[in-house]
mmCIF file of all heavy atoms, coordinates in Angstrom:
data_MODEL
# 
_entry.id   MODEL 
# 
loop_
_atom_site.group_PDB 
_atom_site.id 
_atom_site.type_symbol 
_atom_site.label_atom_id 
_atom_site.label_alt_id 
_atom_site.label_comp_id 
_atom_site.label_asym_id 
_atom_site.label_entity_id 
_atom_site.label_seq_id 
_atom_site.pdbx_PDB_ins_code 
_atom_site.Cartn_x 
_atom_site.Cartn_y 
_atom_site.Cartn_z 
_atom_site.occupancy 
_atom_site.B_iso_or_equiv 
_atom_site.pdbx_formal_charge 
_atom_site.auth_seq_id 
_atom_site.auth_comp_id 
_atom_site.auth_asym_id 
_atom_site.auth_atom_id 
_atom_site.pdbx_PDB_model_num 
ATOM 1   N N   . GLY A 1 1  ? -3.555 13.694  -14.347 1.00 0.00 ? 1  GLY A N   1 
ATOM 2   C CA  . GLY A 1 1  ? -2.610 14.716  -14.201 1.00 0.00 ? 1  GLY A CA  1 
ATOM 3   C C   . GLY A 1 1  ? -1.533 14.325  -13.253 1.00 0.00 ? 1  GLY A C   1 
ATOM 4   O O   . GLY A 1 1  ? -0.597 15.268  -12.949 1.00 0.00 ? 1  GLY A O   1 
ATOM 5   N N   . LYS A 1 2  ? -1.554 13.310  -12.675 1.00 0.00 ? 2  LYS A N   1 
ATOM 6   C CA  . LYS A 1 2  ? -0.511 12.896  -11.675 1.00 0.00 ? 2  LYS A CA  1 
ATOM 7   C C   . LYS A 1 2  ? 0.301  11.709  -12.072 1.00 0.00 ? 2  LYS A C   1 
ATOM 8   O O   . LYS A 1 2  ? -0.174 10.813  -12.947 1.00 0.00 ? 2  LYS A O   1 
ATOM 9   C CB  . LYS A 1 2  ? -1.021 12.711  -10.256 1.00 0.00 ? 2  LYS A CB  1 
ATOM 10  C CG  . LYS A 1 2  ? -1.688 13.965  -9.638  1.00 0.00 ? 2  LYS A CG  1 
ATOM 11  C CD  . LYS A 1 2  ? -2.130 13.694  -8.303  1.00 0.00 ? 2  LYS A CD  1 
ATOM 12  C CE  . LYS A 1 2  ? -2.661 14.919  -7.607  1.00 0.00 ? 2  LYS A CE  1 
ATOM 13  N NZ  . LYS A 1 2  ? -3.086 14.752  -6.166  1.00 0.00 ? 2  LYS A NZ  1 
ATOM 14  N N   . GLU A 1 3  ? 1.504  11.426  -11.473 1.00 0.00 ? 3  GLU A N   1 
ATOM 15  C CA  . GLU A 1 3  ? 2.248  10.235  -11.715 1.00 0.00 ? 3  GLU A CA  1 
ATOM 16  C C   . GLU A 1 3  ? 1.615  9.044   -10.934 1.00 0.00 ? 3  GLU A C   1 
ATOM 17  O O   . GLU A 1 3  ? 0.977  9.206   -9.956  1.00 0.00 ? 3  GLU A O   1 
ATOM 18  C CB  . GLU A 1 3  ? 3.632  10.427  -11.349 1.00 0.00 ? 3  GLU A CB  1 
ATOM 19  C CG  . GLU A 1 3  ? 4.351  11.523  -12.138 1.00 0.00 ? 3  GLU A CG  1 
ATOM 20  C CD  . GLU A 1 3  ? 5.725  11.605  -11.810 1.00 0.00 ? 3  GLU A CD  1 
ATOM 21  O OE1 . GLU A 1 3  ? 6.217  10.973  -10.682 1.00 0.00 ? 3  GLU A OE1 1 
ATOM 22  O OE2 . GLU A 1 3  ? 6.615  12.288  -12.465 1.00 0.00 ? 3  GLU A OE2 1 
ATOM 23  N N   . ARG A 1 4  ? 1.992  7.948   -11.499 1.00 0.00 ? 4  ARG A N   1 
ATOM 24  C CA  . ARG A 1 4  ? 1.507  6.735   -10.750 1.00 0.00 ? 4  ARG A CA  1 
ATOM 25  C C   . ARG A 1 4  ? 2.200  6.607   -9.432  1.00 0.00 ? 4  ARG A C   1 
ATOM 26  O O   . ARG A 1 4  ? 3.409  6.655   -9.422  1.00 0.00 ? 4  ARG A O   1 
ATOM 27  C CB  . ARG A 1 4  ? 1.790  5.442   -11.559 1.00 0.00 ? 4  ARG A CB  1 
ATOM 28  C CG  . ARG A 1 4  ? 1.127  4.206   -11.240 1.00 0.00 ? 4  ARG A CG  1 
ATOM 29  C CD  . ARG A 1 4  ? 1.386  3.099   -12.346 1.00 0.00 ? 4  ARG A CD  1 
ATOM 30  N NE  . ARG A 1 4  ? 0.835  3.495   -13.502 1.00 0.00 ? 4  ARG A NE  1 
ATOM 31  C CZ  . ARG A 1 4  ? 0.799  2.660   -14.611 1.00 0.00 ? 4  ARG A CZ  1 
ATOM 32  N NH1 . ARG A 1 4  ? 1.313  1.445   -14.495 1.00 0.00 ? 4  ARG A NH1 1 
ATOM 33  N NH2 . ARG A 1 4  ? 0.261  3.074   -15.811 1.00 0.00 ? 4  ARG A NH2 1 
ATOM 34  N N   . GLU A 1 5  ? 1.466  6.305   -8.337  1.00 0.00 ? 5  GLU A N   1 
ATOM 35  C CA  . GLU A 1 5  ? 2.002  6.211   -7.037  1.00 0.00 ? 5  GLU A CA  1 
ATOM 36  C C   . GLU A 1 5  ? 1.692  4.895   -6.339  1.00 0.00 ? 5  GLU A C   1 
ATOM 37  O O   . GLU A 1 5  ? 0.644  4.272   -6.564  1.00 0.00 ? 5  GLU A O   1 
ATOM 38  C CB  . GLU A 1 5  ? 1.518  7.408   -6.184  1.00 0.00 ? 5  GLU A CB  1 
ATOM 39  C CG  . GLU A 1 5  ? 0.125  7.391   -5.926  1.00 0.00 ? 5  GLU A CG  1 
ATOM 40  C CD  . GLU A 1 5  ? -0.375 8.515   -5.111  1.00 0.00 ? 5  GLU A CD  1 
ATOM 41  O OE1 . GLU A 1 5  ? 0.421  9.229   -4.537  1.00 0.00 ? 5  GLU A OE1 1 
ATOM 42  O OE2 . GLU A 1 5  ? -1.583 8.673   -4.864  1.00 0.00 ? 5  GLU A OE2 1 
ATOM 43  N N   . PHE A 1 6  ? 2.648  4.561   -5.492  1.00 0.00 ? 6  PHE A N   1 
ATOM 44  C CA  . PHE A 1 6  ? 2.393  3.333   -4.579  1.00 0.00 ? 6  PHE A CA  1 
ATOM 45  C C   . PHE A 1 6  ? 1.254  3.447   -3.679  1.00 0.00 ? 6  PHE A C   1 
ATOM 46  O O   . PHE A 1 6  ? 1.168  4.479   -2.995  1.00 0.00 ? 6  PHE A O   1 
ATOM 47  C CB  . PHE A 1 6  ? 3.671  3.122   -3.861  1.00 0.00 ? 6  PHE A CB  1 
ATOM 48  C CG  . PHE A 1 6  ? 3.570  1.944   -2.932  1.00 0.00 ? 6  PHE A CG  1 
ATOM 49  C CD1 . PHE A 1 6  ? 3.879  0.581   -3.313  1.00 0.00 ? 6  PHE A CD1 1 
ATOM 50  C CD2 . PHE A 1 6  ? 3.321  2.137   -1.501  1.00 0.00 ? 6  PHE A CD2 1 
ATOM 51  C CE1 . PHE A 1 6  ? 3.801  -0.419  -2.465  1.00 0.00 ? 6  PHE A CE1 1 
ATOM 52  C CE2 . PHE A 1 6  ? 3.282  1.069   -0.642  1.00 0.00 ? 6  PHE A CE2 1 
ATOM 53  C CZ  . PHE A 1 6  ? 3.495  -0.247  -1.087  1.00 0.00 ? 6  PHE A CZ  1 
ATOM 54  N N   . VAL A 1 7  ? 0.475  2.455   -3.595  1.00 0.00 ? 7  VAL A N   1 
ATOM 55  C CA  . VAL A 1 7  ? -0.707 2.476   -2.781  1.00 0.00 ? 7  VAL A CA  1 
ATOM 56  C C   . VAL A 1 7  ? -0.567 1.355   -1.462  1.00 0.00 ? 7  VAL A C   1 
ATOM 57  O O   . VAL A 1 7  ? -0.620 1.779   -0.380  1.00 0.00 ? 7  VAL A O   1 
ATOM 58  C CB  . VAL A 1 7  ? -2.003 2.235   -3.469  1.00 0.00 ? 7  VAL A CB  1 
ATOM 59  C CG1 . VAL A 1 7  ? -3.142 2.033   -2.406  1.00 0.00 ? 7  VAL A CG1 1 
ATOM 60  C CG2 . VAL A 1 7  ? -2.199 3.358   -4.390  1.00 0.00 ? 7  VAL A CG2 1 
ATOM 61  N N   . ALA A 1 8  ? -0.134 0.227   -1.920  1.00 0.00 ? 8  ALA A N   1 
ATOM 62  C CA  . ALA A 1 8  ? -0.007 -0.886  -0.884  1.00 0.00 ? 8  ALA A CA  1 
ATOM 63  C C   . ALA A 1 8  ? 0.688  -1.980  -1.437  1.00 0.00 ? 8  ALA A C   1 
ATOM 64  O O   . ALA A 1 8  ? 0.905  -2.132  -2.669  1.00 0.00 ? 8  ALA A O   1 
ATOM 65  C CB  . ALA A 1 8  ? -1.450 -1.358  -0.513  1.00 0.00 ? 8  ALA A CB  1 
ATOM 66  N N   . GLY A 1 9  ? 1.421  -2.743  -0.676  1.00 0.00 ? 9  GLY A N   1 
ATOM 67  C CA  . GLY A 1 9  ? 2.194  -3.852  -1.029  1.00 0.00 ? 9  GLY A CA  1 
ATOM 68  C C   . GLY A 1 9  ? 2.082  -5.037  -0.120  1.00 0.00 ? 9  GLY A C   1 
ATOM 69  O O   . GLY A 1 9  ? 1.918  -4.765  1.033   1.00 0.00 ? 9  GLY A O   1 
ATOM 70  N N   . ILE A 1 10 ? 2.336  -6.248  -0.552  1.00 0.00 ? 10 ILE A N   1 
ATOM 71  C CA  . ILE A 1 10 ? 2.346  -7.369  0.312   1.00 0.00 ? 10 ILE A CA  1 
ATOM 72  C C   . ILE A 1 10 ? 3.292  -8.330  -0.132  1.00 0.00 ? 10 ILE A C   1 
ATOM 73  O O   . ILE A 1 10 ? 3.564  -8.574  -1.326  1.00 0.00 ? 10 ILE A O   1 
ATOM 74  C CB  . ILE A 1 10 ? 0.878  -8.052  0.253   1.00 0.00 ? 10 ILE A CB  1 
ATOM 75  C CG1 . ILE A 1 10 ? 0.788  -9.237  1.196   1.00 0.00 ? 10 ILE A CG1 1 
ATOM 76  C CG2 . ILE A 1 10 ? 0.450  -8.580  -1.029  1.00 0.00 ? 10 ILE A CG2 1 
ATOM 77  C CD1 . ILE A 1 10 ? -0.676 -9.688  1.479   1.00 0.00 ? 10 ILE A CD1 1 
ATOM 78  N N   . THR A 1 11 ? 4.056  -8.935  0.794   1.00 0.00 ? 11 THR A N   1 
ATOM 79  C CA  . THR A 1 11 ? 5.049  -9.893  0.521   1.00 0.00 ? 11 THR A CA  1 
ATOM 80  C C   . THR A 1 11 ? 4.613  -11.163 0.021   1.00 0.00 ? 11 THR A C   1 
ATOM 81  O O   . THR A 1 11 ? 3.351  -11.516 0.164   1.00 0.00 ? 11 THR A O   1 
ATOM 82  C CB  . THR A 1 11 ? 5.873  -10.122 1.808   1.00 0.00 ? 11 THR A CB  1 
ATOM 83  O OG1 . THR A 1 11 ? 5.147  -10.728 2.862   1.00 0.00 ? 11 THR A OG1 1 
ATOM 84  C CG2 . THR A 1 11 ? 6.602  -8.802  2.168   1.00 0.00 ? 11 THR A CG2 1 
ATOM 85  N N   . TRP A 1 12 ? 5.419  -12.091 -0.373  1.00 0.00 ? 12 TRP A N   1 
ATOM 86  C CA  . TRP A 1 12 ? 5.020  -13.422 -0.958  1.00 0.00 ? 12 TRP A CA  1 
ATOM 87  C C   . TRP A 1 12 ? 4.341  -14.128 0.138   1.00 0.00 ? 12 TRP A C   1 
ATOM 88  O O   . TRP A 1 12 ? 3.338  -14.752 -0.175  1.00 0.00 ? 12 TRP A O   1 
ATOM 89  C CB  . TRP A 1 12 ? 6.352  -14.126 -1.420  1.00 0.00 ? 12 TRP A CB  1 
ATOM 90  C CG  . TRP A 1 12 ? 6.131  -15.556 -1.662  1.00 0.00 ? 12 TRP A CG  1 
ATOM 91  C CD1 . TRP A 1 12 ? 6.624  -16.661 -1.044  1.00 0.00 ? 12 TRP A CD1 1 
ATOM 92  C CD2 . TRP A 1 12 ? 5.280  -16.079 -2.796  1.00 0.00 ? 12 TRP A CD2 1 
ATOM 93  N NE1 . TRP A 1 12 ? 6.207  -17.846 -1.522  1.00 0.00 ? 12 TRP A NE1 1 
ATOM 94  C CE2 . TRP A 1 12 ? 5.386  -17.579 -2.586  1.00 0.00 ? 12 TRP A CE2 1 
ATOM 95  C CE3 . TRP A 1 12 ? 4.463  -15.617 -3.797  1.00 0.00 ? 12 TRP A CE3 1 
ATOM 96  C CZ2 . TRP A 1 12 ? 4.713  -18.469 -3.539  1.00 0.00 ? 12 TRP A CZ2 1 
ATOM 97  C CZ3 . TRP A 1 12 ? 3.835  -16.472 -4.657  1.00 0.00 ? 12 TRP A CZ3 1 
ATOM 98  C CH2 . TRP A 1 12 ? 3.961  -17.971 -4.486  1.00 0.00 ? 12 TRP A CH2 1 
ATOM 99  N N   . GLY A 1 13 ? 4.811  -14.038 1.286   1.00 0.00 ? 13 GLY A N   1 
ATOM 100 C CA  . GLY A 1 13 ? 4.153  -14.867 2.426   1.00 0.00 ? 13 GLY A CA  1 
ATOM 101 C C   . GLY A 1 13 ? 3.010  -14.224 2.984   1.00 0.00 ? 13 GLY A C   1 
ATOM 102 O O   . GLY A 1 13 ? 2.188  -14.956 3.703   1.00 0.00 ? 13 GLY A O   1 
ATOM 103 N N   . GLY A 1 14 ? 2.657  -13.023 2.558   1.00 0.00 ? 14 GLY A N   1 
ATOM 104 C CA  . GLY A 1 14 ? 1.452  -12.385 2.987   1.00 0.00 ? 14 GLY A CA  1 
ATOM 105 C C   . GLY A 1 14 ? 1.425  -11.883 4.431   1.00 0.00 ? 14 GLY A C   1 
ATOM 106 O O   . GLY A 1 14 ? 0.408  -11.319 4.802   1.00 0.00 ? 14 GLY A O   1 
ATOM 107 N N   . LEU A 1 15 ? 2.554  -11.966 5.208   1.00 0.00 ? 15 LEU A N   1 
ATOM 108 C CA  . LEU A 1 15 ? 2.638  -11.460 6.475   1.00 0.00 ? 15 LEU A CA  1 
ATOM 109 C C   . LEU A 1 15 ? 3.044  -9.986  6.640   1.00 0.00 ? 15 LEU A C   1 
ATOM 110 O O   . LEU A 1 15 ? 2.589  -9.525  7.681   1.00 0.00 ? 15 LEU A O   1 
ATOM 111 C CB  . LEU A 1 15 ? 3.510  -12.444 7.310   1.00 0.00 ? 15 LEU A CB  1 
ATOM 112 C CG  . LEU A 1 15 ? 3.124  -13.933 7.438   1.00 0.00 ? 15 LEU A CG  1 
ATOM 113 C CD1 . LEU A 1 15 ? 4.177  -14.623 8.172   1.00 0.00 ? 15 LEU A CD1 1 
ATOM 114 C CD2 . LEU A 1 15 ? 1.821  -14.031 8.062   1.00 0.00 ? 15 LEU A CD2 1 
ATOM 115 N N   . ALA A 1 16 ? 3.696  -9.506  5.805   1.00 0.00 ? 16 ALA A N   1 
ATOM 116 C CA  . ALA A 1 16 ? 4.122  -8.087  5.919   1.00 0.00 ? 16 ALA A CA  1 
ATOM 117 C C   . ALA A 1 16 ? 3.340  -7.304  4.816   1.00 0.00 ? 16 ALA A C   1 
ATOM 118 O O   . ALA A 1 16 ? 3.293  -7.710  3.672   1.00 0.00 ? 16 ALA A O   1 
ATOM 119 C CB  . ALA A 1 16 ? 5.660  -8.021  5.597   1.00 0.00 ? 16 ALA A CB  1 
ATOM 120 N N   . ARG A 1 17 ? 2.802  -6.190  5.245   1.00 0.00 ? 17 ARG A N   1 
ATOM 121 C CA  . ARG A 1 17 ? 1.890  -5.368  4.352   1.00 0.00 ? 17 ARG A CA  1 
ATOM 122 C C   . ARG A 1 17 ? 2.329  -3.942  4.631   1.00 0.00 ? 17 ARG A C   1 
ATOM 123 O O   . ARG A 1 17 ? 2.906  -3.522  5.720   1.00 0.00 ? 17 ARG A O   1 
ATOM 124 C CB  . ARG A 1 17 ? 0.544  -5.603  4.783   1.00 0.00 ? 17 ARG A CB  1 
ATOM 125 C CG  . ARG A 1 17 ? 0.037  -6.972  4.794   1.00 0.00 ? 17 ARG A CG  1 
ATOM 126 C CD  . ARG A 1 17 ? -1.358 -7.099  5.115   1.00 0.00 ? 17 ARG A CD  1 
ATOM 127 N NE  . ARG A 1 17 ? -1.767 -8.579  5.374   1.00 0.00 ? 17 ARG A NE  1 
ATOM 128 C CZ  . ARG A 1 17 ? -2.933 -9.115  5.244   1.00 0.00 ? 17 ARG A CZ  1 
ATOM 129 N NH1 . ARG A 1 17 ? -3.939 -8.205  4.843   1.00 0.00 ? 17 ARG A NH1 1 
ATOM 130 N NH2 . ARG A 1 17 ? -3.202 -10.254 5.561   1.00 0.00 ? 17 ARG A NH2 1 
ATOM 131 N N   . TYR A 1 18 ? 2.347  -3.195  3.532   1.00 0.00 ? 18 TYR A N   1 
ATOM 132 C CA  . TYR A 1 18 ? 2.813  -1.850  3.527   1.00 0.00 ? 18 TYR A CA  1 
ATOM 133 C C   . TYR A 1 18 ? 1.766  -0.972  2.765   1.00 0.00 ? 18 TYR A C   1 
ATOM 134 O O   . TYR A 1 18 ? 1.245  -1.324  1.813   1.00 0.00 ? 18 TYR A O   1 
ATOM 135 C CB  . TYR A 1 18 ? 4.234  -1.774  2.750   1.00 0.00 ? 18 TYR A CB  1 
ATOM 136 C CG  . TYR A 1 18 ? 5.160  -2.606  3.424   1.00 0.00 ? 18 TYR A CG  1 
ATOM 137 C CD1 . TYR A 1 18 ? 5.314  -3.941  2.948   1.00 0.00 ? 18 TYR A CD1 1 
ATOM 138 C CD2 . TYR A 1 18 ? 6.046  -2.204  4.374   1.00 0.00 ? 18 TYR A CD2 1 
ATOM 139 C CE1 . TYR A 1 18 ? 6.303  -4.862  3.488   1.00 0.00 ? 18 TYR A CE1 1 
ATOM 140 C CE2 . TYR A 1 18 ? 6.979  -3.001  4.955   1.00 0.00 ? 18 TYR A CE2 1 
ATOM 141 C CZ  . TYR A 1 18 ? 7.188  -4.350  4.517   1.00 0.00 ? 18 TYR A CZ  1 
ATOM 142 O OH  . TYR A 1 18 ? 8.039  -5.250  5.043   1.00 0.00 ? 18 TYR A OH  1 
ATOM 143 N N   . TYR A 1 19 ? 1.665  0.282   3.345   1.00 0.00 ? 19 TYR A N   1 
ATOM 144 C CA  . TYR A 1 19 ? 0.651  1.264   2.762   1.00 0.00 ? 19 TYR A CA  1 
ATOM 145 C C   . TYR A 1 19 ? 1.212  2.622   2.618   1.00 0.00 ? 19 TYR A C   1 
ATOM 146 O O   . TYR A 1 19 ? 1.998  3.041   3.469   1.00 0.00 ? 19 TYR A O   1 
ATOM 147 C CB  . TYR A 1 19 ? -0.502 1.276   3.797   1.00 0.00 ? 19 TYR A CB  1 
ATOM 148 C CG  . TYR A 1 19 ? -1.261 -0.085  3.843   1.00 0.00 ? 19 TYR A CG  1 
ATOM 149 C CD1 . TYR A 1 19 ? -0.901 -0.891  4.987   1.00 0.00 ? 19 TYR A CD1 1 
ATOM 150 C CD2 . TYR A 1 19 ? -2.179 -0.584  2.971   1.00 0.00 ? 19 TYR A CD2 1 
ATOM 151 C CE1 . TYR A 1 19 ? -1.492 -2.163  5.178   1.00 0.00 ? 19 TYR A CE1 1 
ATOM 152 C CE2 . TYR A 1 19 ? -2.814 -1.769  3.188   1.00 0.00 ? 19 TYR A CE2 1 
ATOM 153 C CZ  . TYR A 1 19 ? -2.528 -2.548  4.178   1.00 0.00 ? 19 TYR A CZ  1 
ATOM 154 O OH  . TYR A 1 19 ? -3.043 -3.732  4.355   1.00 0.00 ? 19 TYR A OH  1 
ATOM 155 N N   . ALA A 1 20 ? 0.694  3.303   1.616   1.00 0.00 ? 20 ALA A N   1 
ATOM 156 C CA  . ALA A 1 20 ? 1.022  4.753   1.560   1.00 0.00 ? 20 ALA A CA  1 
ATOM 157 C C   . ALA A 1 20 ? 0.412  5.461   2.732   1.00 0.00 ? 20 ALA A C   1 
ATOM 158 O O   . ALA A 1 20 ? -0.722 5.058   3.118   1.00 0.00 ? 20 ALA A O   1 
ATOM 159 C CB  . ALA A 1 20 ? 0.574  5.252   0.225   1.00 0.00 ? 20 ALA A CB  1 
ATOM 160 N N   . ASP A 1 21 ? 0.954  6.579   3.151   1.00 0.00 ? 21 ASP A N   1 
ATOM 161 C CA  . ASP A 1 21 ? 0.336  7.247   4.278   1.00 0.00 ? 21 ASP A CA  1 
ATOM 162 C C   . ASP A 1 21 ? -1.041 7.751   3.867   1.00 0.00 ? 21 ASP A C   1 
ATOM 163 O O   . ASP A 1 21 ? -1.909 7.776   4.904   1.00 0.00 ? 21 ASP A O   1 
ATOM 164 C CB  . ASP A 1 21 ? 1.236  8.457   4.587   1.00 0.00 ? 21 ASP A CB  1 
ATOM 165 C CG  . ASP A 1 21 ? 2.508  8.054   5.186   1.00 0.00 ? 21 ASP A CG  1 
ATOM 166 O OD1 . ASP A 1 21 ? 2.664  6.958   5.647   1.00 0.00 ? 21 ASP A OD1 1 
ATOM 167 O OD2 . ASP A 1 21 ? 3.505  8.976   5.252   1.00 0.00 ? 21 ASP A OD2 1 
ATOM 168 N N   . SER A 1 22 ? -1.335 7.978   2.780   1.00 0.00 ? 22 SER A N   1 
ATOM 169 C CA  . SER A 1 22 ? -2.671 8.591   2.422   1.00 0.00 ? 22 SER A CA  1 
ATOM 170 C C   . SER A 1 22 ? -3.812 7.514   2.459   1.00 0.00 ? 22 SER A C   1 
ATOM 171 O O   . SER A 1 22 ? -4.924 7.868   2.615   1.00 0.00 ? 22 SER A O   1 
ATOM 172 C CB  . SER A 1 22 ? -2.558 9.021   0.948   1.00 0.00 ? 22 SER A CB  1 
ATOM 173 O OG  . SER A 1 22 ? -2.152 8.091   0.070   1.00 0.00 ? 22 SER A OG  1 
ATOM 174 N N   . VAL A 1 23 ? -3.515 6.188   2.547   1.00 0.00 ? 23 VAL A N   1 
ATOM 175 C CA  . VAL A 1 23 ? -4.502 5.176   2.580   1.00 0.00 ? 23 VAL A CA  1 
ATOM 176 C C   . VAL A 1 23 ? -4.398 4.263   3.839   1.00 0.00 ? 23 VAL A C   1 
ATOM 177 O O   . VAL A 1 23 ? -5.188 3.523   4.067   1.00 0.00 ? 23 VAL A O   1 
ATOM 178 C CB  . VAL A 1 23 ? -4.420 4.289   1.307   1.00 0.00 ? 23 VAL A CB  1 
ATOM 179 C CG1 . VAL A 1 23 ? -4.561 5.034   0.064   1.00 0.00 ? 23 VAL A CG1 1 
ATOM 180 C CG2 . VAL A 1 23 ? -3.254 3.476   1.338   1.00 0.00 ? 23 VAL A CG2 1 
ATOM 181 N N   . ASN A 1 24 ? -3.311 4.568   4.633   1.00 0.00 ? 24 ASN A N   1 
ATOM 182 C CA  . ASN A 1 24 ? -3.190 3.682   5.730   1.00 0.00 ? 24 ASN A CA  1 
ATOM 183 C C   . ASN A 1 24 ? -4.299 3.892   6.728   1.00 0.00 ? 24 ASN A C   1 
ATOM 184 O O   . ASN A 1 24 ? -4.722 4.999   7.054   1.00 0.00 ? 24 ASN A O   1 
ATOM 185 C CB  . ASN A 1 24 ? -1.783 4.100   6.540   1.00 0.00 ? 24 ASN A CB  1 
ATOM 186 C CG  . ASN A 1 24 ? -1.345 3.170   7.545   1.00 0.00 ? 24 ASN A CG  1 
ATOM 187 O OD1 . ASN A 1 24 ? -1.496 1.914   7.412   1.00 0.00 ? 24 ASN A OD1 1 
ATOM 188 N ND2 . ASN A 1 24 ? -0.755 3.590   8.587   1.00 0.00 ? 24 ASN A ND2 1 
ATOM 189 N N   . GLY A 1 25 ? -4.755 2.656   7.246   1.00 0.00 ? 25 GLY A N   1 
ATOM 190 C CA  . GLY A 1 25 ? -5.784 2.653   8.161   1.00 0.00 ? 25 GLY A CA  1 
ATOM 191 C C   . GLY A 1 25 ? -7.289 2.533   7.390   1.00 0.00 ? 25 GLY A C   1 
ATOM 192 O O   . GLY A 1 25 ? -8.229 2.251   8.058   1.00 0.00 ? 25 GLY A O   1 
ATOM 193 N N   . ARG A 1 26 ? -7.218 2.706   6.087   1.00 0.00 ? 26 ARG A N   1 
ATOM 194 C CA  . ARG A 1 26 ? -8.441 2.786   5.331   1.00 0.00 ? 26 ARG A CA  1 
ATOM 195 C C   . ARG A 1 26 ? -8.492 1.481   4.315   1.00 0.00 ? 26 ARG A C   1 
ATOM 196 O O   . ARG A 1 26 ? -9.491 1.023   4.100   1.00 0.00 ? 26 ARG A O   1 
ATOM 197 C CB  . ARG A 1 26 ? -8.744 3.929   4.545   1.00 0.00 ? 26 ARG A CB  1 
ATOM 198 C CG  . ARG A 1 26 ? -8.918 5.253   5.461   1.00 0.00 ? 26 ARG A CG  1 
ATOM 199 C CD  . ARG A 1 26 ? -9.335 6.478   4.687   1.00 0.00 ? 26 ARG A CD  1 
ATOM 200 N NE  . ARG A 1 26 ? -8.233 6.806   3.671   1.00 0.00 ? 26 ARG A NE  1 
ATOM 201 C CZ  . ARG A 1 26 ? -8.475 6.842   2.408   1.00 0.00 ? 26 ARG A CZ  1 
ATOM 202 N NH1 . ARG A 1 26 ? -9.660 6.513   1.867   1.00 0.00 ? 26 ARG A NH1 1 
ATOM 203 N NH2 . ARG A 1 26 ? -7.513 7.199   1.604   1.00 0.00 ? 26 ARG A NH2 1 
ATOM 204 N N   . PHE A 1 27 ? -7.279 1.251   3.835   1.00 0.00 ? 27 PHE A N   1 
ATOM 205 C CA  . PHE A 1 27 ? -7.188 0.183   2.850   1.00 0.00 ? 27 PHE A CA  1 
ATOM 206 C C   . PHE A 1 27 ? -6.539 -1.016  3.423   1.00 0.00 ? 27 PHE A C   1 
ATOM 207 O O   . PHE A 1 27 ? -5.612 -0.938  4.305   1.00 0.00 ? 27 PHE A O   1 
ATOM 208 C CB  . PHE A 1 27 ? -6.307 0.561   1.683   1.00 0.00 ? 27 PHE A CB  1 
ATOM 209 C CG  . PHE A 1 27 ? -6.923 1.720   0.774   1.00 0.00 ? 27 PHE A CG  1 
ATOM 210 C CD1 . PHE A 1 27 ? -8.045 2.398   1.104   1.00 0.00 ? 27 PHE A CD1 1 
ATOM 211 C CD2 . PHE A 1 27 ? -6.253 1.988   -0.469  1.00 0.00 ? 27 PHE A CD2 1 
ATOM 212 C CE1 . PHE A 1 27 ? -8.696 3.315   0.399   1.00 0.00 ? 27 PHE A CE1 1 
ATOM 213 C CE2 . PHE A 1 27 ? -6.896 3.039   -1.342  1.00 0.00 ? 27 PHE A CE2 1 
ATOM 214 C CZ  . PHE A 1 27 ? -8.049 3.532   -1.009  1.00 0.00 ? 27 PHE A CZ  1 
ATOM 215 N N   . THR A 1 28 ? -6.780 -2.221  2.989   1.00 0.00 ? 28 THR A N   1 
ATOM 216 C CA  . THR A 1 28 ? -6.225 -3.498  3.416   1.00 0.00 ? 28 THR A CA  1 
ATOM 217 C C   . THR A 1 28 ? -5.908 -4.252  2.228   1.00 0.00 ? 28 THR A C   1 
ATOM 218 O O   . THR A 1 28 ? -6.700 -4.615  1.398   1.00 0.00 ? 28 THR A O   1 
ATOM 219 C CB  . THR A 1 28 ? -7.177 -4.115  4.321   1.00 0.00 ? 28 THR A CB  1 
ATOM 220 O OG1 . THR A 1 28 ? -7.425 -3.449  5.464   1.00 0.00 ? 28 THR A OG1 1 
ATOM 221 C CG2 . THR A 1 28 ? -6.411 -5.406  4.791   1.00 0.00 ? 28 THR A CG2 1 
# 
């Protein structure tokens, strides 16, 4: 019942990582 949402992302080099607020601190 919900739209697809961003969870996490990682750059080509792997040094920069981004997380949705809902999973930050729990997902890697």
